[in-house]
C-alpha atoms as a PDB file:
ATOM      1  CA  UNK A   1     -18.893  14.192  -1.229  1.00  0.00           C
ATOM      2  CA  UNK A   2     -19.083  11.087   0.958  1.00  0.00           C
ATOM      3  CA  UNK A   3     -15.815  10.395   2.796  1.00  0.00           C
ATOM      4  CA  UNK A   4     -16.848   7.718   5.291  1.00  0.00           C
ATOM      5  CA  UNK A   5     -19.599   5.198   5.899  1.00  0.00           C
ATOM      6  CA  UNK A   6     -20.274   4.109   9.463  1.00  0.00           C
ATOM      7  CA  UNK A   7     -23.120   1.727  10.104  1.00  0.00           C
ATOM      8  CA  UNK A   8     -24.042  -1.940   9.899  1.00  0.00           C
ATOM      9  CA  UNK A   9     -22.949  -4.455   7.279  1.00  0.00           C
ATOM     10  CA  UNK A  10     -26.083  -5.280   5.283  1.00  0.00           C
ATOM     11  CA  UNK A  11     -24.542  -7.339   2.480  1.00  0.00           C
ATOM     12  CA  UNK A  12     -21.155  -8.496   1.217  1.00  0.00           C
ATOM     13  CA  UNK A  13     -20.839  -9.411  -2.463  1.00  0.00           C
ATOM     14  CA  UNK A  14     -18.035 -10.579  -4.701  1.00  0.00           C
ATOM     15  CA  UNK A  15     -16.651  -7.076  -5.163  1.00  0.00           C
ATOM     16  CA  UNK A  16     -18.870  -4.821  -3.050  1.00  0.00           C
ATOM     17  CA  UNK A  17     -20.333  -4.254   0.382  1.00  0.00           C
ATOM     18  CA  UNK A  18     -23.577  -2.576   1.438  1.00  0.00           C
ATOM     19  CA  UNK A  19     -23.408  -0.540   4.632  1.00  0.00           C
ATOM     20  CA  UNK A  20     -26.700   0.367   6.305  1.00  0.00           C
ATOM     21  CA  UNK A  21     -26.396   3.866   7.718  1.00  0.00           C
ATOM     22  CA  UNK A  22     -29.531   4.853   9.649  1.00  0.00           C
ATOM     23  CA  UNK A  23     -31.770   2.854   7.348  1.00  0.00           C
ATOM     24  CA  UNK A  24     -30.101   3.853   4.076  1.00  0.00           C
ATOM     25  CA  UNK A  25     -28.002   1.189   2.348  1.00  0.00           C
ATOM     26  CA  UNK A  26     -24.878   2.489   0.606  1.00  0.00           C
ATOM     27  CA  UNK A  27     -23.189   0.176  -1.905  1.00  0.00           C
ATOM     28  CA  UNK A  28     -19.417   0.552  -2.120  1.00  0.00           C
ATOM     29  CA  UNK A  29     -17.060  -1.326  -4.408  1.00  0.00           C
ATOM     30  CA  UNK A  30     -14.140  -2.701  -2.416  1.00  0.00           C
ATOM     31  CA  UNK A  31     -10.897  -4.584  -2.806  1.00  0.00           C
ATOM     32  CA  UNK A  32     -10.844  -8.229  -1.847  1.00  0.00           C
ATOM     33  CA  UNK A  33      -8.729  -7.377   1.187  1.00  0.00           C
ATOM     34  CA  UNK A  34     -11.233  -4.837   2.453  1.00  0.00           C
ATOM     35  CA  UNK A  35     -14.111  -7.266   1.963  1.00  0.00           C
ATOM     36  CA  UNK A  36     -12.175  -9.920   3.858  1.00  0.00           C
ATOM     37  CA  UNK A  37     -11.568  -7.521   6.735  1.00  0.00           C
ATOM     38  CA  UNK A  38     -15.239  -6.619   7.163  1.00  0.00           C
ATOM     39  CA  UNK A  39     -17.205  -8.149  10.042  1.00  0.00           C
ATOM     40  CA  UNK A  40     -20.170 -10.455   9.302  1.00  0.00           C
ATOM     41  CA  UNK A  41     -23.538  -9.151   8.125  1.00  0.00           C
ATOM     42  CA  UNK A  42     -25.372  -7.405  10.940  1.00  0.00           C
ATOM     43  CA  UNK A  43     -22.229  -6.187  12.686  1.00  0.00           C
ATOM     44  CA  UNK A  44     -21.049  -2.548  12.851  1.00  0.00           C
ATOM     45  CA  UNK A  45     -18.383  -1.448  10.376  1.00  0.00           C
ATOM     46  CA  UNK A  46     -16.671   1.635   9.012  1.00  0.00           C
ATOM     47  CA  UNK A  47     -15.470   2.184   5.456  1.00  0.00           C
ATOM     48  CA  UNK A  48     -13.315   5.051   4.266  1.00  0.00           C
ATOM     49  CA  UNK A  49     -14.772   6.189   0.970  1.00  0.00           C
ATOM     50  CA  UNK A  50     -13.685   7.654  -2.342  1.00  0.00           C
ATOM     51  CA  UNK A  51     -16.597   9.226  -4.220  1.00  0.00           C
ATOM     52  CA  UNK A  52     -16.574   8.976  -8.019  1.00  0.00           C
ATOM     53  CA  UNK A  53     -19.007  11.499  -9.465  1.00  0.00           C
ATOM     54  CA  UNK A  54     -19.771  11.428 -13.177  1.00  0.00           C
ATOM     55  CA  UNK A  55     -22.394  13.230 -15.223  1.00  0.00           C
ATOM     56  CA  UNK A  56     -24.625  10.162 -15.232  1.00  0.00           C
ATOM     57  CA  UNK A  57     -23.525   8.183 -12.189  1.00  0.00           C
ATOM     58  CA  UNK A  58     -22.352   8.241  -8.607  1.00  0.00           C
ATOM     59  CA  UNK A  59     -20.087   5.425  -7.376  1.00  0.00           C
ATOM     60  CA  UNK A  60     -18.589   4.801  -3.976  1.00  0.00           C
ATOM     61  CA  UNK A  61     -15.353   2.930  -3.401  1.00  0.00           C
ATOM     62  CA  UNK A  62     -14.806   1.583   0.112  1.00  0.00           C
ATOM     63  CA  UNK A  63     -11.502   1.030   1.901  1.00  0.00           C
ATOM     64  CA  UNK A  64     -10.652  -0.663   5.174  1.00  0.00           C
ATOM     65  CA  UNK A  65      -8.427   2.233   6.274  1.00  0.00           C
ATOM     66  CA  UNK A  66      -6.989   5.563   5.157  1.00  0.00           C
ATOM     67  CA  UNK A  67      -3.721   3.936   4.067  1.00  0.00           C
ATOM     68  CA  UNK A  68      -5.495   1.821   1.465  1.00  0.00           C
ATOM     69  CA  UNK A  69      -7.438   4.850   0.244  1.00  0.00           C
ATOM     70  CA  UNK A  70      -4.246   6.923   0.006  1.00  0.00           C
ATOM     71  CA  UNK A  71      -2.553   4.225  -2.084  1.00  0.00           C
ATOM     72  CA  UNK A  72      -5.636   4.002  -4.310  1.00  0.00           C
ATOM     73  CA  UNK A  73      -5.456   7.740  -4.928  1.00  0.00           C
ATOM     74  CA  UNK A  74      -1.764   7.398  -5.781  1.00  0.00           C
ATOM     75  CA  UNK A  75      -2.319   4.527  -8.201  1.00  0.00           C
ATOM     76  CA  UNK A  76      -5.057   6.210 -10.233  1.00  0.00           C
ATOM     77  CA  UNK A  77      -2.733   9.113 -11.082  1.00  0.00           C
ATOM     78  CA  UNK A  78      -0.981   6.752 -13.513  1.00  0.00           C
ATOM     79  CA  UNK A  79      -2.338   6.650 -17.060  1.00  0.00           C
ATOM     80  CA  UNK A  80      -4.047   3.332 -17.661  1.00  0.00           C
ATOM     81  CA  UNK A  81      -4.871   2.740 -13.997  1.00  0.00           C
ATOM     82  CA  UNK A  82      -8.545   3.249 -13.318  1.00  0.00           C
ATOM     83  CA  UNK A  83     -10.644   2.239 -10.324  1.00  0.00           C
ATOM     84  CA  UNK A  84     -10.930  -1.390 -11.456  1.00  0.00           C
ATOM     85  CA  UNK A  85      -7.167  -1.883 -11.877  1.00  0.00           C
ATOM     86  CA  UNK A  86      -6.353  -0.008  -8.657  1.00  0.00           C
ATOM     87  CA  UNK A  87      -8.770  -2.182  -6.669  1.00  0.00           C
ATOM     88  CA  UNK A  88      -7.330  -5.303  -8.319  1.00  0.00           C
ATOM     89  CA  UNK A  89      -3.850  -4.289  -7.168  1.00  0.00           C
ATOM     90  CA  UNK A  90      -5.128  -3.620  -3.646  1.00  0.00           C
ATOM     91  CA  UNK A  91      -6.891  -6.982  -3.665  1.00  0.00           C
ATOM     92  CA  UNK A  92      -3.577  -8.717  -4.352  1.00  0.00           C
ATOM     93  CA  UNK A  93      -1.275  -6.589  -2.186  1.00  0.00           C
ATOM     94  CA  UNK A  94      -1.740  -4.647   1.031  1.00  0.00           C
ATOM     95  CA  UNK A  95      -1.225  -0.885   0.968  1.00  0.00           C
ATOM     96  CA  UNK A  96       2.280  -1.208   2.411  1.00  0.00           C
ATOM     97  CA  UNK A  97       3.137  -4.030   0.007  1.00  0.00           C
ATOM     98  CA  UNK A  98       2.088  -1.859  -2.929  1.00  0.00           C
ATOM     99  CA  UNK A  99       4.263   1.019  -1.725  1.00  0.00           C
ATOM    100  CA  UNK A 100       7.229  -1.251  -1.051  1.00  0.00           C
ATOM    101  CA  UNK A 101       6.932  -2.944  -4.449  1.00  0.00           C
ATOM    102  CA  UNK A 102       6.793   0.397  -6.264  1.00  0.00           C
ATOM    103  CA  UNK A 103       9.653   1.895  -4.251  1.00  0.00           C
ATOM    104  CA  UNK A 104      11.768  -1.204  -4.889  1.00  0.00           C
ATOM    105  CA  UNK A 105      10.865  -1.163  -8.612  1.00  0.00           C
ATOM    106  CA  UNK A 106       9.587  -4.723  -8.160  1.00  0.00           C
ATOM    107  CA  UNK A 107       7.533  -4.878 -11.347  1.00  0.00           C
ATOM    108  CA  UNK A 108       6.917  -8.618 -11.033  1.00  0.00           C
ATOM    109  CA  UNK A 109       5.093  -8.163  -7.746  1.00  0.00           C
ATOM    110  CA  UNK A 110       2.930  -5.349  -9.119  1.00  0.00           C
ATOM    111  CA  UNK A 111       2.096  -7.452 -12.185  1.00  0.00           C
ATOM    112  CA  UNK A 112       0.615 -10.198  -9.975  1.00  0.00           C
ATOM    113  CA  UNK A 113      -2.637  -8.247  -9.896  1.00  0.00           C
ATOM    114  CA  UNK A 114      -5.361  -9.174 -12.401  1.00  0.00           C
ATOM    115  CA  UNK A 115      -5.305  -6.917 -15.438  1.00  0.00           C
ATOM    116  CA  UNK A 116      -1.801  -5.563 -14.809  1.00  0.00           C
ATOM    117  CA  UNK A 117       0.634  -6.514 -17.548  1.00  0.00           C
ATOM    118  CA  UNK A 118       4.414  -5.998 -17.554  1.00  0.00           C
ATOM    119  CA  UNK A 119       4.224  -2.650 -19.376  1.00  0.00           C
ATOM    120  CA  UNK A 120       1.654  -1.182 -16.996  1.00  0.00           C
ATOM    121  CA  UNK A 121       3.545  -2.530 -13.991  1.00  0.00           C
ATOM    122  CA  UNK A 122       6.703  -0.837 -15.278  1.00  0.00           C
ATOM    123  CA  UNK A 123       4.850   2.449 -15.808  1.00  0.00           C
ATOM    124  CA  UNK A 124       3.451   2.317 -12.258  1.00  0.00           C
ATOM    125  CA  UNK A 125       6.904   1.633 -10.799  1.00  0.00           C
ATOM    126  CA  UNK A 126       8.605   4.374 -12.802  1.00  0.00           C
ATOM    127  CA  UNK A 127       6.016   7.122 -12.344  1.00  0.00           C
ATOM    128  CA  UNK A 128       5.340   6.527  -8.656  1.00  0.00           C
ATOM    129  CA  UNK A 129       8.747   5.443  -7.356  1.00  0.00           C
ATOM    130  CA  UNK A 130       9.659   8.679  -5.565  1.00  0.00           C
ATOM    131  CA  UNK A 131       6.181   9.330  -4.155  1.00  0.00           C
ATOM    132  CA  UNK A 132       5.678   5.731  -3.046  1.00  0.00           C
ATOM    133  CA  UNK A 133       9.140   5.499  -1.488  1.00  0.00           C
ATOM    134  CA  UNK A 134       8.665   8.657   0.552  1.00  0.00           C
ATOM    135  CA  UNK A 135       5.159   7.610   1.632  1.00  0.00           C
ATOM    136  CA  UNK A 136       6.323   4.113   2.602  1.00  0.00           C
ATOM    137  CA  UNK A 137       9.287   5.408   4.618  1.00  0.00           C
ATOM    138  CA  UNK A 138       6.990   7.956   6.265  1.00  0.00           C
ATOM    139  CA  UNK A 139       4.497   5.257   7.249  1.00  0.00           C
ATOM    140  CA  UNK A 140       7.216   3.078   8.710  1.00  0.00           C
ATOM    141  CA  UNK A 141       8.670   6.096  10.489  1.00  0.00           C
ATOM    142  CA  UNK A 142       5.418   6.517  12.394  1.00  0.00           C
ATOM    143  CA  UNK A 143       6.224   3.254  14.162  1.00  0.00           C
ATOM    144  CA  UNK A 144       9.820   4.184  14.983  1.00  0.00           C
ATOM    145  CA  UNK A 145      10.798   4.634  18.612  1.00  0.00           C
ATOM    146  CA  UNK A 146      10.499   8.201  19.989  1.00  0.00           C
ATOM    147  CA  UNK A 147      13.697  10.167  19.514  1.00  0.00           C
ATOM    148  CA  UNK A 148      15.059   7.921  16.767  1.00  0.00           C
ATOM    149  CA  UNK A 149      16.288   9.938  13.820  1.00  0.00           C
ATOM    150  CA  UNK A 150      14.684   8.503  10.673  1.00  0.00           C
ATOM    151  CA  UNK A 151      16.753   7.597   7.656  1.00  0.00           C
ATOM    152  CA  UNK A 152      16.848  10.395   5.043  1.00  0.00           C
ATOM    153  CA  UNK A 153      14.618   9.742   2.054  1.00  0.00           C
ATOM    154  CA  UNK A 154      16.436  10.710  -1.108  1.00  0.00           C
ATOM    155  CA  UNK A 155      14.487   8.828  -3.781  1.00  0.00           C
ATOM    156  CA  UNK A 156      12.773   7.183  -0.827  1.00  0.00           C
ATOM    157  CA  UNK A 157      15.913   5.624   0.714  1.00  0.00           C
ATOM    158  CA  UNK A 158      19.439   6.671   1.774  1.00  0.00           C
ATOM    159  CA  UNK A 159      22.677   5.674   0.021  1.00  0.00           C
ATOM    160  CA  UNK A 160      23.734   3.193   2.702  1.00  0.00           C
ATOM    161  CA  UNK A 161      20.260   1.678   2.780  1.00  0.00           C
ATOM    162  CA  UNK A 162      20.234   1.363  -1.013  1.00  0.00           C
ATOM    163  CA  UNK A 163      23.569  -0.495  -0.874  1.00  0.00           C
ATOM    164  CA  UNK A 164      22.205  -2.780   1.831  1.00  0.00           C
ATOM    165  CA  UNK A 165      19.113  -3.526  -0.251  1.00  0.00           C
ATOM    166  CA  UNK A 166      21.318  -4.374  -3.238  1.00  0.00           C
ATOM    167  CA  UNK A 167      23.381  -6.733  -1.083  1.00  0.00           C
ATOM    168  CA  UNK A 168      20.275  -8.568   0.145  1.00  0.00           C
ATOM    169  CA  UNK A 169      18.971  -8.899  -3.415  1.00  0.00           C
ATOM    170  CA  UNK A 170      22.324 -10.404  -4.419  1.00  0.00           C
ATOM    171  CA  UNK A 171      21.858 -12.914  -1.605  1.00  0.00           C
ATOM    172  CA  UNK A 172      18.644 -14.088  -3.243  1.00  0.00           C
ATOM    173  CA  UNK A 173      15.937 -12.019  -1.542  1.00  0.00           C
ATOM    174  CA  UNK A 174      13.274 -10.327  -3.643  1.00  0.00           C
ATOM    175  CA  UNK A 175      13.544  -6.559  -4.076  1.00  0.00           C
ATOM    176  CA  UNK A 176      10.360  -5.896  -2.132  1.00  0.00           C
ATOM    177  CA  UNK A 177      11.445  -8.142   0.756  1.00  0.00           C
ATOM    178  CA  UNK A 178      14.851  -6.461   0.918  1.00  0.00           C
ATOM    179  CA  UNK A 179      13.414  -2.949   0.682  1.00  0.00           C
ATOM    180  CA  UNK A 180      10.850  -3.587   3.390  1.00  0.00           C
ATOM    181  CA  UNK A 181      13.394  -5.137   5.772  1.00  0.00           C
ATOM    182  CA  UNK A 182      15.967  -2.376   5.335  1.00  0.00           C
ATOM    183  CA  UNK A 183      13.378   0.384   5.565  1.00  0.00           C
ATOM    184  CA  UNK A 184      12.188  -1.129   8.846  1.00  0.00           C
ATOM    185  CA  UNK A 185      15.625  -1.507  10.479  1.00  0.00           C
ATOM    186  CA  UNK A 186      16.821   1.877   9.194  1.00  0.00           C
ATOM    187  CA  UNK A 187      14.160   3.557  11.319  1.00  0.00           C
ATOM    188  CA  UNK A 188      15.651   1.915  14.404  1.00  0.00           C
ATOM    189  CA  UNK A 189      19.355   2.276  13.581  1.00  0.00           C
ATOM    190  CA  UNK A 190      19.106   5.893  12.460  1.00  0.00           C
ATOM    191  CA  UNK A 191      20.669   7.945   9.678  1.00  0.00           C
ATOM    192  CA  UNK A 192      24.294   7.138  10.575  1.00  0.00           C
ATOM    193  CA  UNK A 193      23.922   3.362  10.268  1.00  0.00           C
ATOM    194  CA  UNK A 194      26.611   1.687   8.170  1.00  0.00           C
ATOM    195  CA  UNK A 195      25.918  -0.655   5.284  1.00  0.00           C
ATOM    196  CA  UNK A 196      27.195  -3.630   7.294  1.00  0.00           C
ATOM    197  CA  UNK A 197      24.964  -2.791  10.259  1.00  0.00           C
ATOM    198  CA  UNK A 198      21.947  -2.438   7.994  1.00  0.00           C
ATOM    199  CA  UNK A 199      22.648  -5.754   6.270  1.00  0.00           C
ATOM    200  CA  UNK A 200      23.037  -7.630   9.567  1.00  0.00           C
ATOM    201  CA  UNK A 201      19.868  -6.099  10.992  1.00  0.00           C
ATOM    202  CA  UNK A 202      18.049  -6.675   7.717  1.00  0.00           C
ATOM    203  CA  UNK A 203      18.946 -10.359   7.704  1.00  0.00           C
ATOM    204  CA  UNK A 204      17.632 -10.709  11.247  1.00  0.00           C
ATOM    205  CA  UNK A 205      14.412  -8.991  10.217  1.00  0.00           C
ATOM    206  CA  UNK A 206      14.009 -11.316   7.237  1.00  0.00           C
ATOM    207  CA  UNK A 207      14.630 -14.359   9.413  1.00  0.00           C
ATOM    208  CA  UNK A 208      11.668 -13.582  11.672  1.00  0.00           C
END
């Protein structure tokens, strides 16, 4: 199984990149975001890879980082989401945006991707909510200051944080925006933060 390609960019197509590794060109299908993040042809690059092995074919999918690959692996566990749909979602949204949209049950944001209708977006949000919420909070927790106690993740978010998110949504912010802002400030304020403190900090975060 191929897990990583490290070499020189040989070609960038509409939905793929070719990485020359010691004289061998490996073609990997990629999201639009990954393709946009690649350096120009002739420059060194690294792709994290998911290998799809079938009886009659071998396909490589390339990702800019492990986070994007992890979200891809999460998405394809949902019935109806294959490699094409998962890459379409990751072309429209970053890995963190996907996780935040799922955790916030923001079906409209998920449905922005080509080929994702309302029913599939709802299925993705429902089936992955807990996993995506925990993964998103965990990723944001990696950036928290040392010694800060992270917010507990029951269903991905604490009770006070959930109330703060609801308040921001009532003020007109989208679910994903509110979720992302509160998840960020909750890592700084800690588990004992009140709803009011979270709302105030969340508003400041959104105003940046």
